Amino acid sequence: KHSRSFGKMDEQIIAMYARGMSTRDISFIDNLYGVDISPDYVSKVTDRVLEDVQEWQNRPLASVYPVAFFDALRVKIRSGAAVKNMAVHLGIGVRTDGTREVLGMWIAENEGASFWVTVLGAEGPGVEDILIAVTDGLKGMTEAIEVVYPQTLHQTCIVHLIRADIIRFSEGQSGRVKELKPIYQAVDADAAERALERFRNTTMGKKYPAIIQIWERAWA
């Protein structure tokens, strides 16, 4: 009685909210546990994590990351009354001692160079350089890295390139990705470029010009 917190129940409320349930849906758990939980109370409970979120967002980062990975995950996110498939862009940095940490998470329906310049410019406080940036060809990422960290080596992940190739093959043809092995298993860039040119002139290369474009963008 007169308590402002339900202890473990509050943790369950936050967990349900994180899984996409609305405050009104969560308030119906009072039928199961015999406690009076209103939508307003649920909102107050979920708002308590905002301080932790802000503290995490403003934490100091390392000055240099030898390697940083940037990727996008497609997840369902509640937006108003609807649930949308949106991209959550994730940055993971590798410290000089080999440990990893999440640099940040950003949600955007339309990413581009200006979006990534804003993101990379706000990486701080304190991030002075990223030596190698590994991405899956995110739109505008190369241009943004050149602006914010001009000395950074931008490397497109080979696994992501192969995965992008497989998606573009028609049904039943994905096994033909093995024809690209001479490209991604080449001993150096010159040998890989010659292999790409040979693939361009094959029947598969002419049938799937989009695959050629994927590798050309990675080369650039």
C-alpha atoms as a PDB file:
ATOM      1  CA  LYS A   1       0.000   0.000   0.000  1.00  0.00           C
ATOM      2  CA  HIS A   2       1.158   3.545  -0.912  1.00  0.00           C
ATOM      3  CA  SER A   3       4.138   2.040  -2.749  1.00  0.00           C
ATOM      4  CA  ARG A   4       5.261   3.839  -5.925  1.00  0.00           C
ATOM      5  CA  SER A   5       7.029   0.799  -7.321  1.00  0.00           C
ATOM      6  CA  PHE A   6       6.123  -2.841  -7.873  1.00  0.00           C
ATOM      7  CA  GLY A   7       9.769  -4.020  -7.859  1.00  0.00           C
ATOM      8  CA  LYS A   8      10.123  -7.029 -10.133  1.00  0.00           C
ATOM      9  CA  MET A   9       6.810  -6.113 -11.764  1.00  0.00           C
ATOM     10  CA  ASP A  10       8.369  -2.861 -13.015  1.00  0.00           C
ATOM     11  CA  GLU A  11      11.150  -4.852 -14.670  1.00  0.00           C
ATOM     12  CA  GLN A  12       8.554  -7.001 -16.423  1.00  0.00           C
ATOM     13  CA  ILE A  13       6.727  -3.869 -17.600  1.00  0.00           C
ATOM     14  CA  ILE A  14       9.929  -2.487 -19.126  1.00  0.00           C
ATOM     15  CA  ALA A  15      10.661  -5.850 -20.764  1.00  0.00           C
ATOM     16  CA  MET A  16       7.190  -6.007 -22.322  1.00  0.00           C
ATOM     17  CA  TYR A  17       7.442  -2.420 -23.523  1.00  0.00           C
ATOM     18  CA  ALA A  18      10.833  -3.165 -25.114  1.00  0.00           C
ATOM     19  CA  ARG A  19       9.184  -6.007 -27.045  1.00  0.00           C
ATOM     20  CA  GLY A  20       6.711  -3.591 -28.625  1.00  0.00           C
ATOM     21  CA  MET A  21       3.642  -3.811 -26.385  1.00  0.00           C
ATOM     22  CA  SER A  22       1.701  -0.581 -25.892  1.00  0.00           C
ATOM     23  CA  THR A  23       1.178   0.967 -22.450  1.00  0.00           C
ATOM     24  CA  ARG A  24      -2.532   0.118 -22.641  1.00  0.00           C
ATOM     25  CA  ASP A  25      -1.831  -3.520 -23.520  1.00  0.00           C
ATOM     26  CA  ILE A  26       0.590  -3.805 -20.612  1.00  0.00           C
ATOM     27  CA  SER A  27      -1.942  -2.335 -18.182  1.00  0.00           C
ATOM     28  CA  PHE A  28      -4.133  -5.396 -18.746  1.00  0.00           C
ATOM     29  CA  ILE A  29      -1.719  -7.565 -16.736  1.00  0.00           C
ATOM     30  CA  ASP A  30      -3.611  -6.405 -13.632  1.00  0.00           C
ATOM     31  CA  ASN A  31      -6.165  -9.068 -14.547  1.00  0.00           C
ATOM     32  CA  LEU A  32      -3.465 -11.724 -14.073  1.00  0.00           C
ATOM     33  CA  TYR A  33      -1.737 -10.455 -10.925  1.00  0.00           C
ATOM     34  CA  GLY A  34      -4.526  -8.640  -9.110  1.00  0.00           C
ATOM     35  CA  VAL A  35      -2.697  -5.297  -8.978  1.00  0.00           C
ATOM     36  CA  ASP A  36      -3.946  -1.923 -10.144  1.00  0.00           C
ATOM     37  CA  ILE A  37      -1.719  -0.849 -13.046  1.00  0.00           C
ATOM     38  CA  SER A  38      -2.929   2.027 -15.199  1.00  0.00           C
ATOM     39  CA  PRO A  39      -1.530   3.123 -18.590  1.00  0.00           C
ATOM     40  CA  ASP A  40      -0.222   6.281 -16.843  1.00  0.00           C
ATOM     41  CA  TYR A  41       1.727   4.160 -14.362  1.00  0.00           C
ATOM     42  CA  VAL A  42       3.188   2.093 -17.194  1.00  0.00           C
ATOM     43  CA  SER A  43       4.347   5.314 -18.894  1.00  0.00           C
ATOM     44  CA  LYS A  44       6.039   6.476 -15.682  1.00  0.00           C
ATOM     45  CA  VAL A  45       7.847   3.147 -15.331  1.00  0.00           C
ATOM     46  CA  THR A  46       9.124   3.169 -18.911  1.00  0.00           C
ATOM     47  CA  ASP A  47      10.214   6.814 -18.606  1.00  0.00           C
ATOM     48  CA  ARG A  48      12.580   5.857 -15.780  1.00  0.00           C
ATOM     49  CA  VAL A  49      14.985   4.259 -18.232  1.00  0.00           C
ATOM     50  CA  LEU A  50      15.402   7.546 -20.138  1.00  0.00           C
ATOM     51  CA  GLU A  51      18.020   8.764 -17.640  1.00  0.00           C
ATOM     52  CA  ASP A  52      20.018   5.565 -18.180  1.00  0.00           C
ATOM     53  CA  VAL A  53      19.680   6.016 -21.952  1.00  0.00           C
ATOM     54  CA  GLN A  54      20.920   9.604 -21.815  1.00  0.00           C
ATOM     55  CA  GLU A  55      23.824   8.626 -19.550  1.00  0.00           C
ATOM     56  CA  TRP A  56      24.825   5.900 -22.034  1.00  0.00           C
ATOM     57  CA  GLN A  57      24.537   8.249 -25.011  1.00  0.00           C
ATOM     58  CA  ASN A  58      26.786  10.848 -23.345  1.00  0.00           C
ATOM     59  CA  ARG A  59      29.443   8.441 -22.065  1.00  0.00           C
ATOM     60  CA  PRO A  60      33.058   9.152 -23.141  1.00  0.00           C
ATOM     61  CA  LEU A  61      34.443   6.953 -25.923  1.00  0.00           C
ATOM     62  CA  ALA A  62      38.014   5.996 -26.782  1.00  0.00           C
ATOM     63  CA  SER A  63      40.070   8.504 -28.761  1.00  0.00           C
ATOM     64  CA  VAL A  64      41.097   5.946 -31.409  1.00  0.00           C
ATOM     65  CA  TYR A  65      39.462   2.768 -32.664  1.00  0.00           C
ATOM     66  CA  PRO A  66      41.691   0.543 -34.828  1.00  0.00           C
ATOM     67  CA  VAL A  67      38.576  -1.008 -36.389  1.00  0.00           C
ATOM     68  CA  ALA A  68      34.921   0.009 -36.434  1.00  0.00           C
ATOM     69  CA  PHE A  69      32.072  -1.999 -37.922  1.00  0.00           C
ATOM     70  CA  PHE A  70      28.901  -0.367 -39.243  1.00  0.00           C
ATOM     71  CA  ASP A  71      25.900  -2.449 -40.245  1.00  0.00           C
ATOM     72  CA  ALA A  72      22.125  -2.187 -40.518  1.00  0.00           C
ATOM     73  CA  LEU A  73      19.522  -4.458 -38.981  1.00  0.00           C
ATOM     74  CA  ARG A  74      15.896  -4.538 -40.106  1.00  0.00           C
ATOM     75  CA  VAL A  75      13.534  -4.641 -37.134  1.00  0.00           C
ATOM     76  CA  LYS A  76       9.851  -3.979 -36.488  1.00  0.00           C
ATOM     77  CA  ILE A  77       9.371  -0.679 -34.638  1.00  0.00           C
ATOM     78  CA  ARG A  78       6.138   0.809 -33.365  1.00  0.00           C
ATOM     79  CA  SER A  79       5.508   4.232 -34.884  1.00  0.00           C
ATOM     80  CA  GLY A  80       2.272   5.740 -33.617  1.00  0.00           C
ATOM     81  CA  ALA A  81      -0.490   3.215 -34.161  1.00  0.00           C
ATOM     82  CA  ALA A  82       1.425   1.250 -36.802  1.00  0.00           C
ATOM     83  CA  VAL A  83       4.393  -1.117 -36.744  1.00  0.00           C
ATOM     84  CA  LYS A  84       7.005  -0.483 -39.442  1.00  0.00           C
ATOM     85  CA  ASN A  85      10.026  -2.347 -40.739  1.00  0.00           C
ATOM     86  CA  MET A  86      12.867   0.090 -40.149  1.00  0.00           C
ATOM     87  CA  ALA A  87      16.648  -0.002 -40.299  1.00  0.00           C
ATOM     88  CA  VAL A  88      18.616   0.257 -37.068  1.00  0.00           C
ATOM     89  CA  HIS A  89      22.187   1.244 -37.924  1.00  0.00           C
ATOM     90  CA  LEU A  90      24.667  -0.211 -35.477  1.00  0.00           C
ATOM     91  CA  GLY A  91      28.261   0.880 -34.875  1.00  0.00           C
ATOM     92  CA  ILE A  92      30.717  -1.381 -33.014  1.00  0.00           C
ATOM     93  CA  GLY A  93      34.249  -0.241 -32.242  1.00  0.00           C
ATOM     94  CA  VAL A  94      37.278  -2.383 -31.424  1.00  0.00           C
ATOM     95  CA  ARG A  95      39.535  -0.780 -28.822  1.00  0.00           C
ATOM     96  CA  THR A  96      43.323  -0.930 -28.872  1.00  0.00           C
ATOM     97  CA  ASP A  97      43.202  -3.658 -26.198  1.00  0.00           C
ATOM     98  CA  GLY A  98      40.976  -5.817 -28.421  1.00  0.00           C
ATOM     99  CA  THR A  99      37.731  -5.314 -26.488  1.00  0.00           C
ATOM    100  CA  ARG A 100      34.601  -4.176 -28.289  1.00  0.00           C
ATOM    101  CA  GLU A 101      31.904  -1.703 -27.451  1.00  0.00           C
ATOM    102  CA  VAL A 102      28.766  -0.379 -29.093  1.00  0.00           C
ATOM    103  CA  LEU A 103      29.448   3.115 -30.435  1.00  0.00           C
ATOM    104  CA  GLY A 104      25.824   3.870 -31.081  1.00  0.00           C
ATOM    105  CA  MET A 105      22.497   2.895 -32.622  1.00  0.00           C
ATOM    106  CA  TRP A 106      20.627   5.108 -35.056  1.00  0.00           C
ATOM    107  CA  ILE A 107      17.225   4.740 -36.705  1.00  0.00           C
ATOM    108  CA  ALA A 108      16.643   6.326 -40.098  1.00  0.00           C
ATOM    109  CA  GLU A 109      14.274   5.597 -42.970  1.00  0.00           C
ATOM    110  CA  ASN A 110      16.519   7.353 -45.498  1.00  0.00           C
ATOM    111  CA  GLU A 111      20.248   7.306 -44.893  1.00  0.00           C
ATOM    112  CA  GLY A 112      22.800   9.088 -47.021  1.00  0.00           C
ATOM    113  CA  ALA A 113      26.072  10.996 -46.850  1.00  0.00           C
ATOM    114  CA  SER A 114      24.595  13.883 -44.814  1.00  0.00           C
ATOM    115  CA  PHE A 115      23.034  11.417 -42.341  1.00  0.00           C
ATOM    116  CA  TRP A 116      26.329   9.592 -41.808  1.00  0.00           C
ATOM    117  CA  VAL A 117      28.337  12.818 -41.525  1.00  0.00           C
ATOM    118  CA  THR A 118      26.008  13.814 -38.678  1.00  0.00           C
ATOM    119  CA  VAL A 119      26.331  10.395 -37.043  1.00  0.00           C
ATOM    120  CA  LEU A 120      30.123  10.141 -37.335  1.00  0.00           C
ATOM    121  CA  GLY A 121      30.570  13.747 -36.279  1.00  0.00           C
ATOM    122  CA  ALA A 122      28.556  13.020 -33.146  1.00  0.00           C
ATOM    123  CA  GLU A 123      30.535   9.903 -32.247  1.00  0.00           C
ATOM    124  CA  GLY A 124      32.337  11.771 -29.484  1.00  0.00           C
ATOM    125  CA  PRO A 125      33.086  13.109 -27.132  1.00  0.00           C
ATOM    126  CA  GLY A 126      36.706  12.297 -27.815  1.00  0.00           C
ATOM    127  CA  VAL A 127      36.794  10.056 -30.902  1.00  0.00           C
ATOM    128  CA  GLU A 128      39.657  11.429 -32.978  1.00  0.00           C
ATOM    129  CA  ASP A 129      40.224   8.664 -35.502  1.00  0.00           C
ATOM    130  CA  ILE A 130      39.036   5.337 -36.859  1.00  0.00           C
ATOM    131  CA  LEU A 131      41.768   3.464 -38.707  1.00  0.00           C
ATOM    132  CA  ILE A 132      39.639   0.904 -40.583  1.00  0.00           C
ATOM    133  CA  ALA A 133      35.887   1.221 -41.136  1.00  0.00           C
ATOM    134  CA  VAL A 134      34.165  -1.996 -42.224  1.00  0.00           C
ATOM    135  CA  THR A 135      30.682  -1.638 -43.731  1.00  0.00           C
ATOM    136  CA  ASP A 136      28.248  -3.486 -45.966  1.00  0.00           C
ATOM    137  CA  GLY A 137      28.098  -0.690 -48.539  1.00  0.00           C
ATOM    138  CA  LEU A 138      25.718   1.563 -46.617  1.00  0.00           C
ATOM    139  CA  LYS A 139      24.543   4.418 -48.816  1.00  0.00           C
ATOM    140  CA  GLY A 140      26.635   7.547 -48.348  1.00  0.00           C
ATOM    141  CA  MET A 141      29.011   5.935 -45.841  1.00  0.00           C
ATOM    142  CA  THR A 142      32.148   6.248 -48.008  1.00  0.00           C
ATOM    143  CA  GLU A 143      31.579   9.967 -48.608  1.00  0.00           C
ATOM    144  CA  ALA A 144      30.895  10.597 -44.914  1.00  0.00           C
ATOM    145  CA  ILE A 145      34.062   8.803 -43.784  1.00  0.00           C
ATOM    146  CA  GLU A 146      36.135  10.850 -46.227  1.00  0.00           C
ATOM    147  CA  VAL A 147      34.726  14.038 -44.691  1.00  0.00           C
ATOM    148  CA  VAL A 148      34.931  13.165 -40.975  1.00  0.00           C
ATOM    149  CA  TYR A 149      37.935  10.793 -40.942  1.00  0.00           C
ATOM    150  CA  PRO A 150      39.838  11.460 -44.187  1.00  0.00           C
ATOM    151  CA  GLN A 151      42.723   9.118 -43.250  1.00  0.00           C
ATOM    152  CA  THR A 152      40.478   6.139 -42.541  1.00  0.00           C
ATOM    153  CA  LEU A 153      40.687   3.035 -44.719  1.00  0.00           C
ATOM    154  CA  HIS A 154      37.131   2.153 -45.749  1.00  0.00           C
ATOM    155  CA  GLN A 155      36.745  -1.599 -46.241  1.00  0.00           C
ATOM    156  CA  THR A 156      33.588  -3.280 -47.490  1.00  0.00           C
ATOM    157  CA  CYS A 157      33.032  -6.639 -45.797  1.00  0.00           C
ATOM    158  CA  ILE A 158      33.494  -9.523 -48.270  1.00  0.00           C
ATOM    159  CA  VAL A 159      30.796 -11.574 -46.522  1.00  0.00           C
ATOM    160  CA  HIS A 160      28.281  -8.781 -47.087  1.00  0.00           C
ATOM    161  CA  LEU A 161      29.258  -8.548 -50.745  1.00  0.00           C
ATOM    162  CA  ILE A 162      28.750 -12.286 -51.241  1.00  0.00           C
ATOM    163  CA  ARG A 163      25.425 -12.116 -49.414  1.00  0.00           C
ATOM    164  CA  ALA A 164      24.324  -9.231 -51.643  1.00  0.00           C
ATOM    165  CA  ASP A 165      25.312 -11.283 -54.713  1.00  0.00           C
ATOM    166  CA  ILE A 166      23.280 -14.309 -53.583  1.00  0.00           C
ATOM    167  CA  ILE A 167      20.173 -12.150 -53.156  1.00  0.00           C
ATOM    168  CA  ARG A 168      20.429 -10.954 -56.761  1.00  0.00           C
ATOM    169  CA  PHE A 169      20.662 -14.410 -58.288  1.00  0.00           C
ATOM    170  CA  SER A 170      17.295 -15.730 -59.464  1.00  0.00           C
ATOM    171  CA  GLU A 171      15.663 -18.649 -57.645  1.00  0.00           C
ATOM    172  CA  GLY A 172      17.658 -21.827 -58.005  1.00  0.00           C
ATOM    173  CA  GLN A 173      20.746 -19.956 -59.223  1.00  0.00           C
ATOM    174  CA  SER A 174      22.241 -18.888 -55.882  1.00  0.00           C
ATOM    175  CA  GLY A 175      24.735 -21.768 -56.051  1.00  0.00           C
ATOM    176  CA  ARG A 176      26.361 -20.016 -58.982  1.00  0.00           C
ATOM    177  CA  VAL A 177      27.912 -17.576 -56.493  1.00  0.00           C
ATOM    178  CA  LYS A 178      30.872 -19.988 -56.487  1.00  0.00           C
ATOM    179  CA  GLU A 179      31.754 -18.502 -59.907  1.00  0.00           C
ATOM    180  CA  LEU A 180      32.761 -15.360 -57.987  1.00  0.00           C
ATOM    181  CA  LYS A 181      35.392 -17.215 -55.920  1.00  0.00           C
ATOM    182  CA  PRO A 182      38.267 -16.133 -58.212  1.00  0.00           C
ATOM    183  CA  ILE A 183      37.349 -12.545 -57.283  1.00  0.00           C
ATOM    184  CA  TYR A 184      37.084 -12.739 -53.489  1.00  0.00           C
ATOM    185  CA  GLN A 185      39.799 -15.387 -53.086  1.00  0.00           C
ATOM    186  CA  ALA A 186      42.317 -13.595 -55.312  1.00  0.00           C
ATOM    187  CA  VAL A 187      45.829 -13.103 -53.916  1.00  0.00           C
ATOM    188  CA  ASP A 188      45.767  -9.338 -54.532  1.00  0.00           C
ATOM    189  CA  ALA A 189      43.627  -6.525 -55.946  1.00  0.00           C
ATOM    190  CA  ASP A 190      45.070  -6.813 -59.469  1.00  0.00           C
ATOM    191  CA  ALA A 191      44.234 -10.520 -59.687  1.00  0.00           C
ATOM    192  CA  ALA A 192      40.757  -9.823 -58.304  1.00  0.00           C
ATOM    193  CA  GLU A 193      40.173  -7.107 -60.887  1.00  0.00           C
ATOM    194  CA  ARG A 194      41.170  -9.463 -63.696  1.00  0.00           C
ATOM    195  CA  ALA A 195      38.797 -12.112 -62.301  1.00  0.00           C
ATOM    196  CA  LEU A 196      35.991  -9.567 -62.176  1.00  0.00           C
ATOM    197  CA  GLU A 197      36.624  -8.644 -65.811  1.00  0.00           C
ATOM    198  CA  ARG A 198      36.492 -12.324 -66.824  1.00  0.00           C
ATOM    199  CA  PHE A 199      33.196 -12.761 -64.948  1.00  0.00           C
ATOM    200  CA  ARG A 200      31.824  -9.653 -66.687  1.00  0.00           C
ATOM    201  CA  ASN A 201      32.271 -11.378 -70.053  1.00  0.00           C
ATOM    202  CA  THR A 202      30.627 -14.655 -69.013  1.00  0.00           C
ATOM    203  CA  THR A 203      26.976 -15.537 -69.575  1.00  0.00           C
ATOM    204  CA  MET A 204      26.248 -15.055 -65.863  1.00  0.00           C
ATOM    205  CA  GLY A 205      28.042 -11.718 -65.814  1.00  0.00           C
ATOM    206  CA  LYS A 206      25.936 -10.438 -68.700  1.00  0.00           C
ATOM    207  CA  LYS A 207      22.741 -11.791 -67.119  1.00  0.00           C
ATOM    208  CA  TYR A 208      23.393 -10.175 -63.738  1.00  0.00           C
ATOM    209  CA  PRO A 209      24.991  -6.740 -64.319  1.00  0.00           C
ATOM    210  CA  ALA A 210      23.846  -5.690 -60.822  1.00  0.00           C
ATOM    211  CA  ILE A 211      26.417  -8.076 -59.335  1.00  0.00           C
ATOM    212  CA  ILE A 212      29.172  -6.396 -61.348  1.00  0.00           C
ATOM    213  CA  GLN A 213      28.005  -3.020 -60.018  1.00  0.00           C
ATOM    214  CA  ILE A 214      28.154  -4.276 -56.400  1.00  0.00           C
ATOM    215  CA  TRP A 215      31.839  -5.163 -56.770  1.00  0.00           C
ATOM    216  CA  GLU A 216      32.663  -1.986 -58.694  1.00  0.00           C
ATOM    217  CA  ARG A 217      31.198   0.139 -55.899  1.00  0.00           C
ATOM    218  CA  ALA A 218      33.271  -1.795 -53.367  1.00  0.00           C
ATOM    219  CA  TRP A 219      36.397  -1.144 -55.437  1.00  0.00           C
ATOM    220  CA  ALA A 220      35.699   2.595 -55.467  1.00  0.00           C
END
